[in-house]
Amino acid sequence: MKNNRKMLLCDYYESWIKIYKEGSIRPVTLEKYYQTLNWVKKIAPKTRLRDITRTSYQEILNAYAEEHERETVMDFHHQLKGAILDALDESLIPSDPTRKIVIKGKTAKTKKGKFLSQFELHALLSKLRLGATINDDWLIYLIAKTGLRYAEALGLTPKDFDFGHQTISVSKTWDYKSGHGSFQPTKNKSSVRKIPADWQTMSQFAVLIRDLPEDQPIFIHGRVFNSTTNHILLRRCKEASVPAITVHGLRHTHASLLLFAGVSIASVSRRLGHSSMNTTEKVYLHVIKELESSDTDLVMRSLSSLN
């Protein structure tokens, strides 16, 4: 990139994405960078890179925040900030305009039906059509029992099941969004893991996949759509008379039930394949706060018994 005083911010950012991001991050993540680029072109189409100040950068964030929630604004800021700091390193701008910025945004909408209770999950599982061959109901069942991400479950092959040790290996995902239908890397390094599974689930899948090709994904039979699986899940929720949730909601349900059962945050974080425990704490803060309240009652009862 040349030191061009007339270079536009959007042009620099687009060039930066191509040089530093293309081929180094997952396609779904790369798409988010290009979405940020489109917004920069919309909000600041004529802003020159050299002219960026703290005020003008804050104005860009404020304009983006008018139509997005605070968490989304934070993601937008981090993606754009990476390019701007590189521009600073290359002496393309005189100072860091991202210092001491303020993240604004629309109030987050209340998300309902994010996870089920243990009773509701039992009711849902009882309504699944679990026949002698692999289908979407078996996919729903496995995600509920393991907390796998949807793409991780789609990427499973028979050789990923270790029936001797009762574990399922996660080392890849299935690219169902692009339509190409191929294996892709996991979301992050922490997502590569072995998930212990209960003996009943392992016994069921031992029968289901015994005659399937070892290296072929067990749930893939043509083009796969997340909406199709969610539609089946919605029908099963209605049949079970439980709140409607998505396939991703099953992952939240799995994690929440483990936390309520007393499993440590560290263990739940590793099982989910989170990059850090901070992610787990952030996503399940509502559960953790409820558990802390129960812990306080337990502490008080324990201290009272010392009299």
C-alpha atoms as a PDB file:
ATOM      1  CA  MET A   1       0.000   0.000   0.000  1.00  0.00           C
ATOM      2  CA  LYS A   2       1.452   3.356  -1.016  1.00  0.00           C
ATOM      3  CA  ASN A   3       1.443   6.465   1.141  1.00  0.00           C
ATOM      4  CA  ASN A   4      -1.256   8.270  -0.789  1.00  0.00           C
ATOM      5  CA  ARG A   5      -2.674  11.385   0.855  1.00  0.00           C
ATOM      6  CA  LYS A   6      -5.821  11.110  -1.287  1.00  0.00           C
ATOM      7  CA  MET A   7      -6.524   7.484  -0.369  1.00  0.00           C
ATOM      8  CA  LEU A   8     -10.090   6.972   0.850  1.00  0.00           C
ATOM      9  CA  LEU A   9     -10.751   5.145   4.099  1.00  0.00           C
ATOM     10  CA  CYS A  10     -13.037   2.636   2.365  1.00  0.00           C
ATOM     11  CA  ASP A  11     -10.442   1.949  -0.366  1.00  0.00           C
ATOM     12  CA  TYR A  12      -7.707   1.355   2.207  1.00  0.00           C
ATOM     13  CA  TYR A  13      -9.964  -0.913   4.256  1.00  0.00           C
ATOM     14  CA  GLU A  14     -10.930  -2.957   1.191  1.00  0.00           C
ATOM     15  CA  SER A  15      -7.277  -3.361   0.216  1.00  0.00           C
ATOM     16  CA  TRP A  16      -6.400  -4.296   3.802  1.00  0.00           C
ATOM     17  CA  ILE A  17      -9.046  -7.042   3.843  1.00  0.00           C
ATOM     18  CA  LYS A  18      -7.698  -8.555   0.628  1.00  0.00           C
ATOM     19  CA  ILE A  19      -4.095  -8.492   1.827  1.00  0.00           C
ATOM     20  CA  TYR A  20      -4.463  -9.571   5.448  1.00  0.00           C
ATOM     21  CA  LYS A  21      -7.773 -11.426   5.735  1.00  0.00           C
ATOM     22  CA  GLU A  22      -8.558 -13.279   2.526  1.00  0.00           C
ATOM     23  CA  GLY A  23      -7.292 -16.851   2.817  1.00  0.00           C
ATOM     24  CA  SER A  24      -6.412 -16.507   6.507  1.00  0.00           C
ATOM     25  CA  ILE A  25      -9.878 -16.582   8.100  1.00  0.00           C
ATOM     26  CA  ARG A  26     -13.021 -18.638   7.619  1.00  0.00           C
ATOM     27  CA  PRO A  27     -15.348 -17.545   4.762  1.00  0.00           C
ATOM     28  CA  VAL A  28     -18.169 -16.744   7.181  1.00  0.00           C
ATOM     29  CA  THR A  29     -15.844 -14.417   9.134  1.00  0.00           C
ATOM     30  CA  LEU A  30     -14.491 -12.847   5.951  1.00  0.00           C
ATOM     31  CA  GLU A  31     -18.054 -12.069   4.917  1.00  0.00           C
ATOM     32  CA  LYS A  32     -18.487 -10.021   8.114  1.00  0.00           C
ATOM     33  CA  TYR A  33     -15.440  -7.889   7.212  1.00  0.00           C
ATOM     34  CA  TYR A  34     -16.971  -7.179   3.816  1.00  0.00           C
ATOM     35  CA  GLN A  35     -20.266  -6.265   5.476  1.00  0.00           C
ATOM     36  CA  THR A  36     -18.328  -3.753   7.566  1.00  0.00           C
ATOM     37  CA  LEU A  37     -16.726  -2.438   4.360  1.00  0.00           C
ATOM     38  CA  ASN A  38     -20.161  -1.889   2.810  1.00  0.00           C
ATOM     39  CA  TRP A  39     -21.213   0.156   5.828  1.00  0.00           C
ATOM     40  CA  VAL A  40     -18.038   2.249   5.698  1.00  0.00           C
ATOM     41  CA  LYS A  41     -18.787   2.993   2.039  1.00  0.00           C
ATOM     42  CA  LYS A  42     -22.327   3.972   3.003  1.00  0.00           C
ATOM     43  CA  ILE A  43     -21.463   6.094   6.050  1.00  0.00           C
ATOM     44  CA  ALA A  44     -18.172   7.684   4.956  1.00  0.00           C
ATOM     45  CA  PRO A  45     -17.840   7.271   1.174  1.00  0.00           C
ATOM     46  CA  LYS A  46     -15.626  10.338   0.674  1.00  0.00           C
ATOM     47  CA  THR A  47     -13.630  10.311   3.912  1.00  0.00           C
ATOM     48  CA  ARG A  48      -9.895  10.230   3.287  1.00  0.00           C
ATOM     49  CA  LEU A  49      -7.778   7.923   5.409  1.00  0.00           C
ATOM     50  CA  ARG A  50      -5.313  10.712   6.224  1.00  0.00           C
ATOM     51  CA  ASP A  51      -8.124  12.929   7.546  1.00  0.00           C
ATOM     52  CA  ILE A  52      -9.476  10.473  10.142  1.00  0.00           C
ATOM     53  CA  THR A  53      -9.573  12.014  13.626  1.00  0.00           C
ATOM     54  CA  ARG A  54     -11.053  10.825  16.911  1.00  0.00           C
ATOM     55  CA  THR A  55     -14.109  12.964  16.231  1.00  0.00           C
ATOM     56  CA  SER A  56     -14.693  11.765  12.673  1.00  0.00           C
ATOM     57  CA  TYR A  57     -14.123   8.149  13.692  1.00  0.00           C
ATOM     58  CA  GLN A  58     -16.610   8.541  16.552  1.00  0.00           C
ATOM     59  CA  GLU A  59     -19.098  10.015  14.073  1.00  0.00           C
ATOM     60  CA  ILE A  60     -18.740   6.911  11.884  1.00  0.00           C
ATOM     61  CA  LEU A  61     -19.439   4.662  14.878  1.00  0.00           C
ATOM     62  CA  ASN A  62     -22.384   6.827  15.939  1.00  0.00           C
ATOM     63  CA  ALA A  63     -23.911   6.615  12.464  1.00  0.00           C
ATOM     64  CA  TYR A  64     -23.547   2.834  12.485  1.00  0.00           C
ATOM     65  CA  ALA A  65     -25.005   2.667  16.009  1.00  0.00           C
ATOM     66  CA  GLU A  66     -28.242   4.321  14.869  1.00  0.00           C
ATOM     67  CA  GLU A  67     -29.302   1.058  13.199  1.00  0.00           C
ATOM     68  CA  HIS A  68     -27.457  -1.574  15.247  1.00  0.00           C
ATOM     69  CA  GLU A  69     -27.269  -2.963  18.769  1.00  0.00           C
ATOM     70  CA  ARG A  70     -24.275  -2.117  20.960  1.00  0.00           C
ATOM     71  CA  GLU A  71     -22.665  -5.558  20.640  1.00  0.00           C
ATOM     72  CA  THR A  72     -22.826  -5.333  16.836  1.00  0.00           C
ATOM     73  CA  VAL A  73     -21.286  -1.843  16.972  1.00  0.00           C
ATOM     74  CA  MET A  74     -18.436  -3.267  19.049  1.00  0.00           C
ATOM     75  CA  ASP A  75     -17.750  -5.905  16.373  1.00  0.00           C
ATOM     76  CA  PHE A  76     -17.836  -3.213  13.672  1.00  0.00           C
ATOM     77  CA  HIS A  77     -15.338  -1.134  15.665  1.00  0.00           C
ATOM     78  CA  HIS A  78     -12.912  -4.018  16.221  1.00  0.00           C
ATOM     79  CA  GLN A  79     -12.884  -4.955  12.533  1.00  0.00           C
ATOM     80  CA  LEU A  80     -12.306  -1.401  11.341  1.00  0.00           C
ATOM     81  CA  LYS A  81      -9.846  -0.619  14.132  1.00  0.00           C
ATOM     82  CA  GLY A  82      -7.544  -3.449  13.003  1.00  0.00           C
ATOM     83  CA  ALA A  83      -7.042  -1.780   9.638  1.00  0.00           C
ATOM     84  CA  ILE A  84      -6.659   1.721  11.099  1.00  0.00           C
ATOM     85  CA  LEU A  85      -3.952   0.612  13.540  1.00  0.00           C
ATOM     86  CA  ASP A  86      -2.057  -0.968  10.649  1.00  0.00           C
ATOM     87  CA  ALA A  87      -2.361   2.335   8.787  1.00  0.00           C
ATOM     88  CA  LEU A  88      -0.851   4.022  11.837  1.00  0.00           C
ATOM     89  CA  ASP A  89       2.056   1.545  11.818  1.00  0.00           C
ATOM     90  CA  GLU A  90       2.655   2.382   8.149  1.00  0.00           C
ATOM     91  CA  SER A  91       2.630   6.133   8.945  1.00  0.00           C
ATOM     92  CA  LEU A  92      -0.373   6.632   6.680  1.00  0.00           C
ATOM     93  CA  ILE A  93      -2.140   8.510   9.495  1.00  0.00           C
ATOM     94  CA  PRO A  94      -0.522  10.788  12.108  1.00  0.00           C
ATOM     95  CA  SER A  95      -2.213   9.429  15.264  1.00  0.00           C
ATOM     96  CA  ASP A  96      -4.582   6.743  16.554  1.00  0.00           C
ATOM     97  CA  PRO A  97      -8.187   7.974  16.069  1.00  0.00           C
ATOM     98  CA  THR A  98      -9.678   4.949  17.844  1.00  0.00           C
ATOM     99  CA  ARG A  99      -8.457   5.949  21.334  1.00  0.00           C
ATOM    100  CA  LYS A 100     -11.090   6.502  24.014  1.00  0.00           C
ATOM    101  CA  ILE A 101     -14.026   6.014  21.666  1.00  0.00           C
ATOM    102  CA  VAL A 102     -17.528   5.470  23.037  1.00  0.00           C
ATOM    103  CA  ILE A 103     -19.576   2.479  21.925  1.00  0.00           C
ATOM    104  CA  LYS A 104     -23.249   3.296  21.490  1.00  0.00           C
ATOM    105  CA  GLY A 105     -26.086   1.338  19.968  1.00  0.00           C
ATOM    106  CA  LYS A 106     -29.764   0.436  20.053  1.00  0.00           C
ATOM    107  CA  THR A 107     -31.116  -1.369  23.089  1.00  0.00           C
ATOM    108  CA  ALA A 108     -30.826  -5.113  22.599  1.00  0.00           C
ATOM    109  CA  LYS A 109     -34.116  -6.876  22.059  1.00  0.00           C
ATOM    110  CA  THR A 110     -35.177  -9.340  24.713  1.00  0.00           C
ATOM    111  CA  LYS A 111     -34.494 -12.830  23.429  1.00  0.00           C
ATOM    112  CA  LYS A 112     -37.100 -15.327  24.478  1.00  0.00           C
ATOM    113  CA  GLY A 113     -37.036 -19.090  24.355  1.00  0.00           C
ATOM    114  CA  LYS A 114     -33.258 -19.275  24.316  1.00  0.00           C
ATOM    115  CA  PHE A 115     -33.118 -22.523  26.247  1.00  0.00           C
ATOM    116  CA  LEU A 116     -35.404 -25.160  27.721  1.00  0.00           C
ATOM    117  CA  SER A 117     -35.645 -26.515  31.240  1.00  0.00           C
ATOM    118  CA  GLN A 118     -34.709 -30.123  31.914  1.00  0.00           C
ATOM    119  CA  PHE A 119     -38.379 -31.123  32.026  1.00  0.00           C
ATOM    120  CA  GLU A 120     -39.092 -29.349  28.728  1.00  0.00           C
ATOM    121  CA  LEU A 121     -36.081 -30.954  27.055  1.00  0.00           C
ATOM    122  CA  HIS A 122     -37.254 -34.423  28.142  1.00  0.00           C
ATOM    123  CA  ALA A 123     -40.678 -33.663  26.665  1.00  0.00           C
ATOM    124  CA  LEU A 124     -39.111 -32.504  23.397  1.00  0.00           C
ATOM    125  CA  LEU A 125     -36.834 -35.541  23.049  1.00  0.00           C
ATOM    126  CA  SER A 126     -39.815 -37.845  23.580  1.00  0.00           C
ATOM    127  CA  LYS A 127     -41.453 -36.388  20.448  1.00  0.00           C
ATOM    128  CA  LEU A 128     -38.485 -36.935  18.106  1.00  0.00           C
ATOM    129  CA  ARG A 129     -38.918 -39.442  15.262  1.00  0.00           C
ATOM    130  CA  LEU A 130     -35.881 -41.576  16.024  1.00  0.00           C
ATOM    131  CA  GLY A 131     -36.077 -44.404  13.529  1.00  0.00           C
ATOM    132  CA  ALA A 132     -33.602 -46.967  12.227  1.00  0.00           C
ATOM    133  CA  THR A 133     -31.899 -44.536   9.837  1.00  0.00           C
ATOM    134  CA  ILE A 134     -30.224 -41.151  10.250  1.00  0.00           C
ATOM    135  CA  ASN A 135     -32.533 -38.151   9.840  1.00  0.00           C
ATOM    136  CA  ASP A 136     -32.954 -34.573  11.105  1.00  0.00           C
ATOM    137  CA  ASP A 137     -34.516 -35.807  14.331  1.00  0.00           C
ATOM    138  CA  TRP A 138     -31.331 -37.733  15.123  1.00  0.00           C
ATOM    139  CA  LEU A 139     -29.360 -34.551  14.375  1.00  0.00           C
ATOM    140  CA  ILE A 140     -31.530 -32.618  16.834  1.00  0.00           C
ATOM    141  CA  TYR A 141     -31.098 -35.390  19.395  1.00  0.00           C
ATOM    142  CA  LEU A 142     -27.292 -35.428  19.102  1.00  0.00           C
ATOM    143  CA  ILE A 143     -26.963 -31.644  19.410  1.00  0.00           C
ATOM    144  CA  ALA A 144     -29.186 -31.690  22.507  1.00  0.00           C
ATOM    145  CA  LYS A 145     -27.028 -34.423  24.067  1.00  0.00           C
ATOM    146  CA  THR A 146     -23.611 -32.948  23.181  1.00  0.00           C
ATOM    147  CA  GLY A 147     -23.970 -29.172  22.772  1.00  0.00           C
ATOM    148  CA  LEU A 148     -22.361 -29.322  19.325  1.00  0.00           C
ATOM    149  CA  ARG A 149     -22.635 -26.394  16.961  1.00  0.00           C
ATOM    150  CA  TYR A 150     -24.861 -27.112  13.954  1.00  0.00           C
ATOM    151  CA  ALA A 151     -21.960 -27.080  11.453  1.00  0.00           C
ATOM    152  CA  GLU A 152     -19.872 -29.278  13.767  1.00  0.00           C
ATOM    153  CA  ALA A 153     -22.617 -31.899  13.956  1.00  0.00           C
ATOM    154  CA  LEU A 154     -23.004 -31.847  10.171  1.00  0.00           C
ATOM    155  CA  GLY A 155     -19.266 -32.458   9.790  1.00  0.00           C
ATOM    156  CA  LEU A 156     -19.238 -35.666  11.837  1.00  0.00           C
ATOM    157  CA  THR A 157     -18.205 -38.909  10.143  1.00  0.00           C
ATOM    158  CA  PRO A 158     -18.331 -42.472  11.526  1.00  0.00           C
ATOM    159  CA  LYS A 159     -14.622 -42.395  12.349  1.00  0.00           C
ATOM    160  CA  ASP A 160     -15.231 -39.450  14.703  1.00  0.00           C
ATOM    161  CA  PHE A 161     -17.105 -41.769  17.083  1.00  0.00           C
ATOM    162  CA  ASP A 162     -14.848 -43.587  19.555  1.00  0.00           C
ATOM    163  CA  PHE A 163     -17.190 -46.136  21.079  1.00  0.00           C
ATOM    164  CA  GLY A 164     -14.475 -47.649  23.279  1.00  0.00           C
ATOM    165  CA  HIS A 165     -13.820 -44.376  25.101  1.00  0.00           C
ATOM    166  CA  GLN A 166     -17.353 -42.991  24.597  1.00  0.00           C
ATOM    167  CA  THR A 167     -16.157 -39.770  22.956  1.00  0.00           C
ATOM    168  CA  ILE A 168     -16.960 -37.834  19.800  1.00  0.00           C
ATOM    169  CA  SER A 169     -14.074 -36.017  18.088  1.00  0.00           C
ATOM    170  CA  VAL A 170     -14.689 -32.563  16.658  1.00  0.00           C
ATOM    171  CA  SER A 171     -11.991 -31.545  14.180  1.00  0.00           C
ATOM    172  CA  LYS A 172     -13.928 -30.011  11.286  1.00  0.00           C
ATOM    173  CA  THR A 173     -17.259 -28.511  10.259  1.00  0.00           C
ATOM    174  CA  TRP A 174     -19.493 -28.738   7.183  1.00  0.00           C
ATOM    175  CA  ASP A 175     -19.886 -25.702   4.941  1.00  0.00           C
ATOM    176  CA  TYR A 176     -23.663 -25.723   4.513  1.00  0.00           C
ATOM    177  CA  LYS A 177     -24.063 -21.982   3.859  1.00  0.00           C
ATOM    178  CA  SER A 178     -22.172 -21.590   0.585  1.00  0.00           C
ATOM    179  CA  GLY A 179     -23.871 -24.506  -1.155  1.00  0.00           C
ATOM    180  CA  HIS A 180     -20.523 -26.076  -2.092  1.00  0.00           C
ATOM    181  CA  GLY A 181     -20.899 -28.810   0.501  1.00  0.00           C
ATOM    182  CA  SER A 182     -17.402 -29.426   1.815  1.00  0.00           C
ATOM    183  CA  PHE A 183     -15.477 -29.836   5.062  1.00  0.00           C
ATOM    184  CA  GLN A 184     -14.187 -26.653   6.676  1.00  0.00           C
ATOM    185  CA  PRO A 185     -11.965 -25.899   9.712  1.00  0.00           C
ATOM    186  CA  THR A 186     -13.532 -25.447  13.131  1.00  0.00           C
ATOM    187  CA  LYS A 187     -14.474 -22.000  14.416  1.00  0.00           C
ATOM    188  CA  ASN A 188     -11.248 -21.724  16.449  1.00  0.00           C
ATOM    189  CA  LYS A 189      -8.458 -23.893  17.843  1.00  0.00           C
ATOM    190  CA  SER A 190     -10.394 -24.500  21.045  1.00  0.00           C
ATOM    191  CA  SER A 191     -13.221 -25.986  18.978  1.00  0.00           C
ATOM    192  CA  VAL A 192     -11.024 -29.003  18.161  1.00  0.00           C
ATOM    193  CA  ARG A 193     -11.936 -31.295  21.043  1.00  0.00           C
ATOM    194  CA  LYS A 194     -13.217 -34.674  22.214  1.00  0.00           C
ATOM    195  CA  ILE A 195     -16.683 -34.625  23.744  1.00  0.00           C
ATOM    196  CA  PRO A 196     -17.614 -37.379  26.222  1.00  0.00           C
ATOM    197  CA  ALA A 197     -21.066 -38.779  25.440  1.00  0.00           C
ATOM    198  CA  ASP A 198     -23.403 -40.940  27.512  1.00  0.00           C
ATOM    199  CA  TRP A 199     -23.481 -44.681  26.856  1.00  0.00           C
ATOM    200  CA  GLN A 200     -27.068 -44.632  25.574  1.00  0.00           C
ATOM    201  CA  THR A 201     -26.307 -42.081  22.851  1.00  0.00           C
ATOM    202  CA  MET A 202     -23.145 -43.905  21.814  1.00  0.00           C
ATOM    203  CA  SER A 203     -24.967 -47.261  21.689  1.00  0.00           C
ATOM    204  CA  GLN A 204     -27.693 -45.788  19.495  1.00  0.00           C
ATOM    205  CA  PHE A 205     -25.226 -44.271  17.036  1.00  0.00           C
ATOM    206  CA  ALA A 206     -23.106 -47.415  16.959  1.00  0.00           C
ATOM    207  CA  VAL A 207     -26.067 -49.142  15.306  1.00  0.00           C
ATOM    208  CA  LEU A 208     -27.058 -46.187  13.109  1.00  0.00           C
ATOM    209  CA  ILE A 209     -23.636 -45.621  11.497  1.00  0.00           C
ATOM    210  CA  ARG A 210     -22.112 -49.107  11.437  1.00  0.00           C
ATOM    211  CA  ASP A 211     -22.622 -49.568   7.683  1.00  0.00           C
ATOM    212  CA  LEU A 212     -21.903 -45.978   6.625  1.00  0.00           C
ATOM    213  CA  PRO A 213     -18.695 -44.888   4.807  1.00  0.00           C
ATOM    214  CA  GLU A 214     -16.051 -44.040   7.410  1.00  0.00           C
ATOM    215  CA  ASP A 215     -15.011 -40.692   5.934  1.00  0.00           C
ATOM    216  CA  GLN A 216     -18.401 -39.375   4.788  1.00  0.00           C
ATOM    217  CA  PRO A 217     -20.588 -37.030   6.897  1.00  0.00           C
ATOM    218  CA  ILE A 218     -23.407 -39.039   8.430  1.00  0.00           C
ATOM    219  CA  PHE A 219     -26.060 -36.299   8.296  1.00  0.00           C
ATOM    220  CA  ILE A 220     -25.450 -35.060   4.741  1.00  0.00           C
ATOM    221  CA  HIS A 221     -27.715 -36.319   1.965  1.00  0.00           C
ATOM    222  CA  GLY A 222     -27.711 -33.553  -0.629  1.00  0.00           C
ATOM    223  CA  ARG A 223     -28.043 -29.833   0.110  1.00  0.00           C
ATOM    224  CA  VAL A 224     -28.580 -28.987   3.784  1.00  0.00           C
ATOM    225  CA  PHE A 225     -30.429 -25.957   5.134  1.00  0.00           C
ATOM    226  CA  ASN A 226     -30.420 -24.750   8.726  1.00  0.00           C
ATOM    227  CA  SER A 227     -33.981 -23.517   8.212  1.00  0.00           C
ATOM    228  CA  THR A 228     -35.177 -27.038   7.377  1.00  0.00           C
ATOM    229  CA  THR A 229     -33.834 -28.468  10.638  1.00  0.00           C
ATOM    230  CA  ASN A 230     -35.224 -25.519  12.603  1.00  0.00           C
ATOM    231  CA  HIS A 231     -38.645 -26.045  11.004  1.00  0.00           C
ATOM    232  CA  ILE A 232     -38.668 -29.694  12.100  1.00  0.00           C
ATOM    233  CA  LEU A 233     -37.535 -28.657  15.588  1.00  0.00           C
ATOM    234  CA  LEU A 234     -40.344 -26.095  15.749  1.00  0.00           C
ATOM    235  CA  ARG A 235     -42.901 -28.794  14.926  1.00  0.00           C
ATOM    236  CA  ARG A 236     -41.499 -31.077  17.624  1.00  0.00           C
ATOM    237  CA  CYS A 237     -41.618 -28.221  20.162  1.00  0.00           C
ATOM    238  CA  LYS A 238     -45.293 -27.657  19.369  1.00  0.00           C
ATOM    239  CA  GLU A 239     -46.015 -31.378  19.676  1.00  0.00           C
ATOM    240  CA  ALA A 240     -44.277 -31.423  23.068  1.00  0.00           C
ATOM    241  CA  SER A 241     -46.033 -28.207  24.199  1.00  0.00           C
ATOM    242  CA  VAL A 242     -42.727 -26.533  25.066  1.00  0.00           C
ATOM    243  CA  PRO A 243     -41.392 -23.075  24.084  1.00  0.00           C
ATOM    244  CA  ALA A 244     -40.140 -22.855  20.511  1.00  0.00           C
ATOM    245  CA  ILE A 245     -36.340 -22.757  20.219  1.00  0.00           C
ATOM    246  CA  THR A 246     -33.805 -23.026  17.420  1.00  0.00           C
ATOM    247  CA  VAL A 247     -31.123 -25.653  16.879  1.00  0.00           C
ATOM    248  CA  HIS A 248     -28.631 -23.205  18.401  1.00  0.00           C
ATOM    249  CA  GLY A 249     -31.020 -22.951  21.342  1.00  0.00           C
ATOM    250  CA  LEU A 250     -30.413 -26.662  21.952  1.00  0.00           C
ATOM    251  CA  ARG A 251     -26.720 -25.838  22.457  1.00  0.00           C
ATOM    252  CA  HIS A 252     -27.689 -23.185  25.018  1.00  0.00           C
ATOM    253  CA  THR A 253     -30.039 -25.662  26.669  1.00  0.00           C
ATOM    254  CA  HIS A 254     -27.259 -28.253  26.928  1.00  0.00           C
ATOM    255  CA  ALA A 255     -24.821 -25.793  28.505  1.00  0.00           C
ATOM    256  CA  SER A 256     -27.393 -24.303  30.882  1.00  0.00           C
ATOM    257  CA  LEU A 257     -28.459 -27.721  32.208  1.00  0.00           C
ATOM    258  CA  LEU A 258     -24.825 -28.657  32.835  1.00  0.00           C
ATOM    259  CA  LEU A 259     -24.231 -25.436  34.776  1.00  0.00           C
ATOM    260  CA  PHE A 260     -27.376 -25.943  36.848  1.00  0.00           C
ATOM    261  CA  ALA A 261     -26.209 -29.519  37.536  1.00  0.00           C
ATOM    262  CA  GLY A 262     -23.017 -28.149  39.095  1.00  0.00           C
ATOM    263  CA  VAL A 263     -20.561 -28.697  36.250  1.00  0.00           C
ATOM    264  CA  SER A 264     -17.781 -26.095  36.404  1.00  0.00           C
ATOM    265  CA  ILE A 265     -17.632 -23.200  33.958  1.00  0.00           C
ATOM    266  CA  ALA A 266     -14.199 -24.421  32.832  1.00  0.00           C
ATOM    267  CA  SER A 267     -15.548 -27.862  31.905  1.00  0.00           C
ATOM    268  CA  VAL A 268     -18.590 -26.433  30.127  1.00  0.00           C
ATOM    269  CA  SER A 269     -16.358 -24.014  28.222  1.00  0.00           C
ATOM    270  CA  ARG A 270     -14.110 -26.842  26.996  1.00  0.00           C
ATOM    271  CA  ARG A 271     -17.107 -28.983  26.067  1.00  0.00           C
ATOM    272  CA  LEU A 272     -18.625 -26.174  24.006  1.00  0.00           C
ATOM    273  CA  GLY A 273     -15.317 -25.373  22.316  1.00  0.00           C
ATOM    274  CA  HIS A 274     -15.250 -21.753  23.456  1.00  0.00           C
ATOM    275  CA  SER A 275     -11.999 -19.849  22.925  1.00  0.00           C
ATOM    276  CA  SER A 276     -11.995 -18.764  26.588  1.00  0.00           C
ATOM    277  CA  MET A 277     -14.051 -19.004  29.765  1.00  0.00           C
ATOM    278  CA  ASN A 278     -14.859 -15.308  29.337  1.00  0.00           C
ATOM    279  CA  THR A 279     -17.023 -16.250  26.368  1.00  0.00           C
ATOM    280  CA  THR A 280     -18.882 -18.844  28.435  1.00  0.00           C
ATOM    281  CA  GLU A 281     -19.391 -16.419  31.309  1.00  0.00           C
ATOM    282  CA  LYS A 282     -20.695 -13.740  28.955  1.00  0.00           C
ATOM    283  CA  VAL A 283     -23.187 -16.015  27.156  1.00  0.00           C
ATOM    284  CA  TYR A 284     -24.468 -17.709  30.318  1.00  0.00           C
ATOM    285  CA  LEU A 285     -24.296 -14.765  32.711  1.00  0.00           C
ATOM    286  CA  HIS A 286     -28.003 -15.133  33.566  1.00  0.00           C
ATOM    287  CA  VAL A 287     -27.444 -18.752  34.636  1.00  0.00           C
ATOM    288  CA  ILE A 288     -24.307 -17.915  36.605  1.00  0.00           C
ATOM    289  CA  LYS A 289     -26.108 -15.137  38.504  1.00  0.00           C
ATOM    290  CA  GLU A 290     -28.909 -17.539  39.419  1.00  0.00           C
ATOM    291  CA  LEU A 291     -26.360 -20.094  40.625  1.00  0.00           C
ATOM    292  CA  GLU A 292     -24.547 -17.435  42.674  1.00  0.00           C
ATOM    293  CA  SER A 293     -27.825 -16.647  44.401  1.00  0.00           C
ATOM    294  CA  SER A 294     -28.227 -20.330  45.283  1.00  0.00           C
ATOM    295  CA  ASP A 295     -24.611 -20.436  46.479  1.00  0.00           C
ATOM    296  CA  THR A 296     -25.279 -17.525  48.829  1.00  0.00           C
ATOM    297  CA  ASP A 297     -28.169 -19.417  50.430  1.00  0.00           C
ATOM    298  CA  LEU A 298     -25.943 -22.500  50.767  1.00  0.00           C
ATOM    299  CA  VAL A 299     -23.166 -20.452  52.414  1.00  0.00           C
ATOM    300  CA  MET A 300     -25.618 -18.954  54.924  1.00  0.00           C
ATOM    301  CA  ARG A 301     -27.034 -22.373  55.813  1.00  0.00           C
ATOM    302  CA  SER A 302     -23.511 -23.785  56.229  1.00  0.00           C
ATOM    303  CA  LEU A 303     -22.447 -20.931  58.515  1.00  0.00           C
ATOM    304  CA  SER A 304     -25.620 -21.234  60.579  1.00  0.00           C
ATOM    305  CA  SER A 305     -24.878 -24.907  61.225  1.00  0.00           C
ATOM    306  CA  LEU A 306     -21.611 -23.918  62.947  1.00  0.00           C
ATOM    307  CA  ASN A 307     -23.463 -22.587  66.011  1.00  0.00           C
END
